[in-house]
Structures are given as C-alpha cells and as structure tokens.
C-alpha cells in the first residue's frame, strides 16, 4: 500500500489527506502500465537475443538435424554415382565390346532438361541452392540407373544369343589333332589328281582310312551323300551364315535334316570322289565365301586334350 500524503489546510490549520482526481489517477496508472510493458518487452528482447526462445531453439535443432541428414545424403549420392560410373565402365569397356554391341550414346546416358521449373517448390529458402543441387543429382541418378538397367537387360539378352552362337559356330578341329595337314586354303597350280591349276577352298587332313570325323559346331545337316568331286560328303548349316563341309568320306553316319551337336561323330574318312588317297577335306563358308578353317580352332591341343574335349561335349549333349 502506498503511504498516504497530507497537506496543511491554512483555513483551519489542520493536516488533511491529499486526494487525487480520478483523471490523474488514470493517467498515472496508464503511464505506469505502459512503462511496465516497455520494460518487459526490452527485457524479453534482450533475453531472446542472448539465450533465444524455446521455439527458436527447437527450430535451430531441427535445422542442424536437417544439415546432418543432407551431409549423409550427399555421401550416399557420391557412393551411388561412383557405383554407376563403375557399372558404366564395365558396360562400355567390357561387356559390349566382347558381345560386339555399340556403346550407348552420351546424349542418351545424360539427357538434358528444359521447360518448366522442376524445383519451384524449393525456391525462397536460405539453403535453396543446396536443396536444388541435391535433388538434381538424385534425379540424375534415377535416370542413369534406369538407362543402365535397360542396358544390362539388352546385354543379358545378347549374352544368351552369343552363347548359342558360340555353340553353333564351327570352332573345333574335325579330326584328331595328331594327323598331318595337307593343302590349305590356296590356289594350287597342279591338282594332285586332275593335274590342272585350280583353287583349293578348304583344309585337308591326311588320315588313315576310317578315321572318326566330328562335327565342329552344332547345326542341321543339309546334305549327306555323294557330291561330285567331294565323293561322300556332309554339309552342315550352323546358322549365322556359316556352313561346314566334310568331303571324301568312306562312311556317313547322319542324314539330311538331322540336328547335330558339336563333337558328334558324323562320319569316317576315306578317299571317295576326286582324291589321291585317304584324307578329309574340311571347308568353312560364311555367306558363301570361303574362310580359312585354321582360323576357327586352337592349334595347341594334345591328343589327350582333344579327346577329353570330345568326351565332354558328347556327355554334355547326352544329359541335356
């Protein structure tokens, strides 16, 4: 309670209590209240500037958490980009060259963007450039991953076809590797039987009569019988433009229309047709053009290794 104030009334020489008018009291109260509010605001402002408000502290903590999450996200993005780069190198430098496939154009791997602003929702923030950059990188990773996935699907499909192609192409020696080779793909000035100059379009193998002849690649028999100067002859269509011919046979063990696998026994050597002695004439044609058979099989196998290969091929065929 405020102490009462008195004044001396000279008329009756008595002290009387001072009574303020209600307007004065109202003015003083208003002034006091305004000053109190002002002081409170000043103290509140100073406190917030020094210590911060609870809401600001909470927001500040959330911002720090978001910055930490963005840091982790950047590391994950860096790791993802590194993995994608490694996959691309394997795709362009390993798988596609082996499978004879063209590389994916750079314009397809890294397409440009245009049109509307795709990051409009991120505008107006203090860290807008950081958020836009990260979203762009994530979008880029998503696009590159999709393209790489489709590329590997194509590689897998081509691999299956390539495996089939490798099975069908004529790629082993048709007889035991110990036998001496005769004339190869060349122009002979004197034919050993006819005595006239002419081309020799295959590879001869000098073998004893009745030596086993094996098909050099899977395919379908399109000719099996007498064929002029080739005598008893077998022709196999391997697909992909390849055909192999086995001439001067003494015995034929397949018939037209049969499907054969690499390593199957198809005949025995002889000296039928235009021949000066028992041997095998082996010929490879690609779309009708004669190819050197020696370019289609390894030349460094031993006899044991050769027959081990034949046994492996035939046993694999038996259990399919």
Protein backbone atom coordinates (compact mmCIF):
# COMPACT_ATOMS: atom_id res chain seq x y z
CA UNK A 1 0.00 0.00 0.00
CA UNK A 2 1.40 3.46 -0.87
CA UNK A 3 1.97 5.82 2.02
CA UNK A 4 -0.78 8.48 2.22
CA UNK A 5 0.22 12.08 1.62
CA UNK A 6 -1.05 15.08 3.66
CA UNK A 7 -1.15 18.85 3.25
CA UNK A 8 -1.75 21.76 5.75
CA UNK A 9 -5.09 23.44 5.34
CA UNK A 10 -4.43 27.09 6.42
CA UNK A 11 -8.05 27.85 6.89
CA UNK A 12 -8.47 25.60 9.84
CA UNK A 13 -4.82 24.80 10.46
CA UNK A 14 -5.35 21.07 10.08
CA UNK A 15 -3.48 18.39 8.07
CA UNK A 16 -5.67 16.76 5.53
CA UNK A 17 -5.07 13.72 3.25
CA UNK A 18 -4.26 14.51 -0.38
CA UNK A 19 -6.94 13.19 -2.70
CA UNK A 20 -6.06 12.94 -6.41
CA UNK A 21 -8.62 13.41 -9.12
CA UNK A 22 -9.66 10.24 -10.94
CA UNK A 23 -8.24 11.58 -14.21
CA UNK A 24 -4.84 11.98 -12.57
CA UNK A 25 -5.06 8.51 -11.13
CA UNK A 26 -5.98 7.09 -14.54
CA UNK A 27 -3.12 8.92 -16.24
CA UNK A 28 -0.59 7.68 -13.67
CA UNK A 29 -1.85 4.11 -13.95
CA UNK A 30 -1.72 4.23 -17.73
CA UNK A 31 1.79 5.64 -17.66
CA UNK A 32 2.92 3.01 -15.16
CA UNK A 33 1.37 0.21 -17.17
CA UNK A 34 2.93 1.43 -20.41
CA UNK A 35 6.34 1.70 -18.79
CA UNK A 36 5.97 -1.81 -17.35
CA UNK A 37 5.11 -3.24 -20.76
CA UNK A 38 8.02 -1.37 -22.34
CA UNK A 39 10.46 -2.66 -19.73
CA UNK A 40 9.08 -6.19 -20.16
CA UNK A 41 9.49 -6.01 -23.94
CA UNK A 42 13.04 -4.73 -23.61
CA UNK A 43 13.97 -7.50 -21.18
CA UNK A 44 12.26 -10.10 -23.40
CA UNK A 45 14.14 -8.87 -26.46
CA UNK A 46 17.46 -8.93 -24.66
CA UNK A 47 16.75 -12.44 -23.32
CA UNK A 48 15.83 -13.76 -26.76
CA UNK A 49 18.90 -12.19 -28.31
CA UNK A 50 21.14 -13.72 -25.68
CA UNK A 51 19.50 -17.06 -24.97
CA UNK A 52 16.86 -17.45 -27.70
CA UNK A 53 13.25 -18.52 -27.37
CA UNK A 54 12.28 -22.20 -26.86
CA UNK A 55 10.68 -22.24 -30.31
CA UNK A 56 13.81 -20.82 -31.91
CA UNK A 57 15.93 -23.39 -30.09
CA UNK A 58 13.69 -26.17 -31.39
CA UNK A 59 13.82 -24.82 -34.92
CA UNK A 60 17.58 -24.41 -34.68
CA UNK A 61 17.96 -28.01 -33.57
CA UNK A 62 15.77 -29.19 -36.47
CA UNK A 63 17.91 -27.18 -38.90
CA UNK A 64 21.09 -28.77 -37.57
CA UNK A 65 19.49 -32.23 -37.88
CA UNK A 66 18.49 -31.46 -41.46
CA UNK A 67 22.03 -30.30 -42.26
CA UNK A 68 23.39 -33.56 -40.84
CA UNK A 69 20.90 -35.57 -42.90
CA UNK A 70 21.88 -33.66 -46.02
CA UNK A 71 25.53 -34.45 -45.29
CA UNK A 72 24.72 -38.18 -45.06
CA UNK A 73 22.61 -37.89 -48.20
CA UNK A 74 25.49 -36.29 -50.09
CA UNK A 75 27.75 -39.20 -49.12
CA UNK A 76 25.16 -41.70 -50.29
CA UNK A 77 24.77 -39.82 -53.56
CA UNK A 78 28.55 -39.77 -54.04
CA UNK A 79 28.65 -43.53 -53.42
CA UNK A 80 25.76 -44.15 -55.83
CA UNK A 81 27.41 -42.06 -58.54
CA UNK A 82 30.66 -43.97 -58.05
CA UNK A 83 28.85 -47.31 -58.42
CA UNK A 84 27.04 -46.09 -61.54
CA UNK A 85 30.33 -44.92 -63.06
CA UNK A 86 31.86 -48.34 -62.38
CA UNK A 87 28.87 -50.11 -63.96
CA UNK A 88 29.08 -47.85 -66.98
CA UNK A 89 32.78 -48.58 -67.47
CA UNK A 90 32.11 -52.32 -67.31
CA UNK A 91 29.23 -51.92 -69.73
CA UNK A 92 31.12 -49.80 -72.28
CA UNK A 93 34.61 -51.32 -72.00
CA UNK A 94 33.95 -54.98 -71.15
CA UNK A 95 30.54 -56.41 -71.95
CA UNK A 96 29.56 -54.52 -75.10
CA UNK A 97 32.93 -54.86 -76.93
CA UNK A 98 33.01 -58.62 -76.23
CA UNK A 99 29.44 -59.03 -77.47
CA UNK A 100 30.09 -56.74 -80.46
CA UNK A 101 27.49 -54.21 -79.29
CA UNK A 102 27.60 -50.46 -79.82
CA UNK A 103 28.08 -48.19 -76.81
CA UNK A 104 25.12 -46.17 -75.53
CA UNK A 105 25.34 -42.57 -76.87
CA UNK A 106 26.27 -39.90 -74.35
CA UNK A 107 23.12 -37.95 -75.25
CA UNK A 108 21.03 -40.90 -74.06
CA UNK A 109 23.01 -41.53 -70.88
CA UNK A 110 22.89 -37.86 -69.84
CA UNK A 111 19.76 -36.28 -71.35
CA UNK A 112 19.17 -32.54 -71.00
CA UNK A 113 16.19 -30.94 -69.30
CA UNK A 114 14.07 -27.99 -70.28
CA UNK A 115 10.61 -26.48 -69.96
CA UNK A 116 9.01 -25.71 -66.60
CA UNK A 117 10.96 -25.10 -63.42
CA UNK A 118 11.06 -28.55 -61.78
CA UNK A 119 12.32 -27.15 -58.46
CA UNK A 120 9.90 -24.30 -57.93
CA UNK A 121 8.80 -25.73 -54.57
CA UNK A 122 12.33 -25.28 -53.21
CA UNK A 123 12.59 -21.55 -54.00
CA UNK A 124 12.84 -18.89 -51.28
CA UNK A 125 14.81 -20.80 -48.62
CA UNK A 126 18.19 -19.92 -47.17
CA UNK A 127 19.59 -23.25 -48.42
CA UNK A 128 17.73 -23.36 -51.75
CA UNK A 129 20.91 -23.87 -53.85
CA UNK A 130 21.93 -26.88 -51.73
CA UNK A 131 18.48 -28.48 -51.91
CA UNK A 132 18.18 -27.90 -55.66
CA UNK A 133 21.65 -29.34 -56.26
CA UNK A 134 20.89 -32.50 -54.30
CA UNK A 135 17.55 -33.03 -55.98
CA UNK A 136 19.17 -32.60 -59.40
CA UNK A 137 21.78 -35.22 -58.52
CA UNK A 138 19.11 -37.62 -57.25
CA UNK A 139 17.11 -37.15 -60.44
CA UNK A 140 20.24 -37.73 -62.48
CA UNK A 141 21.00 -40.94 -60.57
CA UNK A 142 17.43 -42.14 -61.11
CA UNK A 143 17.68 -41.52 -64.87
CA UNK A 144 21.13 -43.10 -65.18
CA UNK A 145 20.02 -46.13 -63.17
CA UNK A 146 17.05 -46.68 -65.45
CA UNK A 147 19.21 -46.42 -68.56
CA UNK A 148 21.86 -48.74 -67.08
CA UNK A 149 19.20 -51.27 -66.09
CA UNK A 150 17.80 -51.32 -69.63
CA UNK A 151 21.34 -51.60 -71.00
CA UNK A 152 22.12 -54.63 -68.85
CA UNK A 153 18.82 -56.24 -69.90
CA UNK A 154 19.96 -55.86 -73.51
CA UNK A 155 23.40 -57.25 -72.62
CA UNK A 156 21.83 -60.29 -70.93
CA UNK A 157 19.64 -60.95 -73.96
CA UNK A 158 22.62 -60.58 -76.27
CA UNK A 159 24.69 -62.85 -73.98
CA UNK A 160 22.14 -65.65 -74.35
CA UNK A 161 22.24 -65.26 -78.13
CA UNK A 162 26.04 -65.07 -78.04
CA UNK A 163 26.23 -68.32 -76.02
CA UNK A 164 24.01 -70.02 -78.60
CA UNK A 165 26.12 -68.58 -81.41
CA UNK A 166 29.31 -69.87 -79.78
CA UNK A 167 27.73 -73.32 -79.57
CA UNK A 168 26.76 -73.35 -83.24
CA UNK A 169 29.84 -71.86 -84.91
CA UNK A 170 32.37 -74.40 -86.29
CA UNK A 171 35.14 -73.95 -83.72
CA UNK A 172 36.98 -77.26 -83.16
CA UNK A 173 39.20 -79.47 -85.30
CA UNK A 174 37.09 -82.12 -87.13
CA UNK A 175 39.65 -84.94 -86.60
CA UNK A 176 42.34 -85.93 -84.13
CA UNK A 177 44.90 -83.12 -83.91
CA UNK A 178 47.85 -85.53 -84.39
CA UNK A 179 47.13 -86.01 -88.09
CA UNK A 180 49.27 -84.16 -90.58
CA UNK A 181 47.66 -81.38 -92.56
CA UNK A 182 47.65 -81.31 -96.31
CA UNK A 183 46.88 -78.38 -98.58
CA UNK A 184 45.06 -75.46 -97.06
CA UNK A 185 43.06 -72.58 -98.49
CA UNK A 186 45.16 -71.60 -101.51
CA UNK A 187 45.49 -71.66 -105.28
CA UNK A 188 47.04 -74.93 -106.43
CA UNK A 189 48.92 -74.75 -109.71
CA UNK A 190 48.63 -78.53 -110.13
CA UNK A 191 45.73 -80.55 -108.75
CA UNK A 192 47.08 -83.86 -107.35
CA UNK A 193 44.54 -85.87 -109.36
CA UNK A 194 43.39 -83.67 -112.23
CA UNK A 195 46.77 -82.07 -112.83
CA UNK A 196 45.18 -78.71 -113.62
CA UNK A 197 45.53 -75.39 -111.76
CA UNK A 198 42.57 -74.51 -109.51
CA UNK A 199 41.65 -73.14 -106.11
CA UNK A 200 41.52 -75.33 -103.03
CA UNK A 201 38.81 -73.89 -100.80
CA UNK A 202 39.36 -75.78 -97.57
CA UNK A 203 41.85 -77.61 -95.36
CA UNK A 204 42.96 -81.22 -95.97
CA UNK A 205 43.86 -83.58 -93.12
CA UNK A 206 45.93 -86.66 -94.06
CA UNK A 207 44.34 -89.52 -92.08
CA UNK A 208 44.18 -93.29 -92.18
CA UNK A 209 41.11 -94.78 -93.83
CA UNK A 210 38.18 -94.92 -91.38
CA UNK A 211 39.29 -92.11 -89.03
CA UNK A 212 36.45 -90.60 -86.96
CA UNK A 213 35.14 -87.22 -88.14
CA UNK A 214 33.35 -84.96 -85.63
CA UNK A 215 31.06 -82.05 -86.33
CA UNK A 216 32.79 -78.81 -85.41
CA UNK A 217 29.69 -76.92 -84.34
CA UNK A 218 26.02 -77.52 -83.68
CA UNK A 219 23.67 -77.24 -86.60
CA UNK A 220 21.43 -79.04 -89.09
CA UNK A 221 22.57 -81.50 -91.77
CA UNK A 222 21.55 -80.08 -95.17
CA UNK A 223 23.47 -82.51 -97.38
CA UNK A 224 24.63 -86.08 -96.72
CA UNK A 225 25.58 -88.21 -99.72
CA UNK A 226 27.52 -88.21 -102.95
CA UNK A 227 28.60 -84.74 -104.08
CA UNK A 228 30.74 -84.91 -107.23
CA UNK A 229 34.44 -84.42 -106.59
CA UNK A 230 33.85 -84.42 -102.82
CA UNK A 231 32.61 -88.02 -103.04
CA UNK A 232 30.68 -88.98 -99.93
CA UNK A 233 30.13 -85.58 -98.34
CA UNK A 234 28.32 -83.96 -95.42
CA UNK A 235 27.29 -80.28 -95.30
CA UNK A 236 26.08 -78.76 -92.02
CA UNK A 237 24.30 -75.43 -91.71
CA UNK A 238 25.33 -73.78 -88.42
CA UNK A 239 23.21 -70.67 -88.79
CA UNK A 240 24.56 -67.13 -88.65
CA UNK A 241 25.66 -67.59 -92.28
CA UNK A 242 28.10 -70.46 -91.54
CA UNK A 243 28.28 -73.84 -93.28
CA UNK A 244 30.88 -76.57 -92.87
CA UNK A 245 31.70 -79.27 -95.45
CA UNK A 246 33.32 -82.70 -94.83
CA UNK A 247 34.42 -84.42 -98.06
CA UNK A 248 35.86 -87.75 -99.34
CA UNK A 249 34.24 -89.81 -96.54
CA UNK A 250 34.12 -93.59 -96.55
CA UNK A 251 31.05 -93.71 -94.30
CA UNK A 252 28.28 -91.25 -93.44
CA UNK A 253 26.54 -91.59 -90.05
CA UNK A 254 23.99 -88.79 -90.35
CA UNK A 255 21.14 -87.98 -92.70
CA UNK A 256 19.65 -84.80 -94.14
CA UNK A 257 17.52 -82.91 -91.65
CA UNK A 258 19.25 -84.23 -88.52
CA UNK A 259 20.26 -81.77 -85.80
CA UNK A 260 23.77 -82.39 -84.56
CA UNK A 261 25.81 -81.02 -81.67
CA UNK A 262 29.45 -80.03 -81.63
CA UNK A 263 31.55 -83.15 -81.06
CA UNK A 264 29.04 -85.63 -82.54
CA UNK A 265 30.51 -88.40 -84.69
CA UNK A 266 29.17 -87.81 -88.22
CA UNK A 267 31.35 -89.98 -90.46
CA UNK A 268 34.62 -91.75 -91.24
CA UNK A 269 37.39 -90.57 -93.55
CA UNK A 270 38.05 -92.21 -96.89
CA UNK A 271 39.16 -91.48 -100.43
CA UNK A 272 35.88 -91.15 -102.31
CA UNK A 273 35.40 -88.67 -105.14
CA UNK A 274 38.34 -86.91 -106.70
CA UNK A 275 41.01 -87.98 -104.22
CA UNK A 276 44.59 -89.27 -104.39
CA UNK A 277 44.37 -91.07 -101.02
CA UNK A 278 42.51 -91.25 -97.71
CA UNK A 279 42.08 -87.82 -96.18
CA UNK A 280 39.43 -85.35 -95.03
CA UNK A 281 38.59 -82.21 -96.94
CA UNK A 282 37.21 -79.72 -94.40
CA UNK A 283 35.71 -76.45 -95.58
CA UNK A 284 34.04 -73.44 -93.89
CA UNK A 285 31.89 -70.95 -95.78
CA UNK A 286 30.43 -67.71 -94.43
CA UNK A 287 27.54 -66.45 -96.54
CA UNK A 288 29.02 -68.38 -99.44
CA UNK A 289 32.55 -67.01 -99.06
CA UNK A 290 35.34 -69.48 -98.25
CA UNK A 291 37.13 -68.99 -94.93
CA UNK A 292 40.38 -70.47 -93.67
CA UNK A 293 39.37 -73.31 -91.30
CA UNK A 294 42.61 -72.95 -89.34
CA UNK A 295 41.36 -69.61 -88.03
CA UNK A 296 38.45 -71.30 -86.24
CA UNK A 297 40.10 -73.62 -83.70
CA UNK A 298 43.04 -73.79 -81.30
CA UNK A 299 46.24 -75.29 -82.66
CA UNK A 300 47.86 -76.19 -79.34
CA UNK A 301 45.84 -79.17 -78.03
CA UNK A 302 47.41 -82.54 -77.34
CA UNK A 303 45.73 -85.75 -78.46
CA UNK A 304 44.55 -86.50 -74.92
CA UNK A 305 43.18 -82.98 -74.52
CA UNK A 306 41.38 -83.25 -77.85
CA UNK A 307 39.55 -86.48 -76.98
CA UNK A 308 38.83 -85.22 -73.47
CA UNK A 309 37.12 -82.25 -75.13
CA UNK A 310 35.14 -84.55 -77.44
CA UNK A 311 34.08 -86.70 -74.48
CA UNK A 312 33.00 -83.62 -72.53
CA UNK A 313 30.99 -82.30 -75.48
CA UNK A 314 29.21 -85.60 -76.14
CA UNK A 315 28.44 -86.26 -72.46
CA UNK A 316 27.01 -82.74 -72.15
CA UNK A 317 24.82 -83.41 -75.17
CA UNK A 318 23.67 -86.73 -73.74
CA UNK A 319 22.42 -85.22 -70.47
CA UNK A 320 20.62 -82.19 -71.90
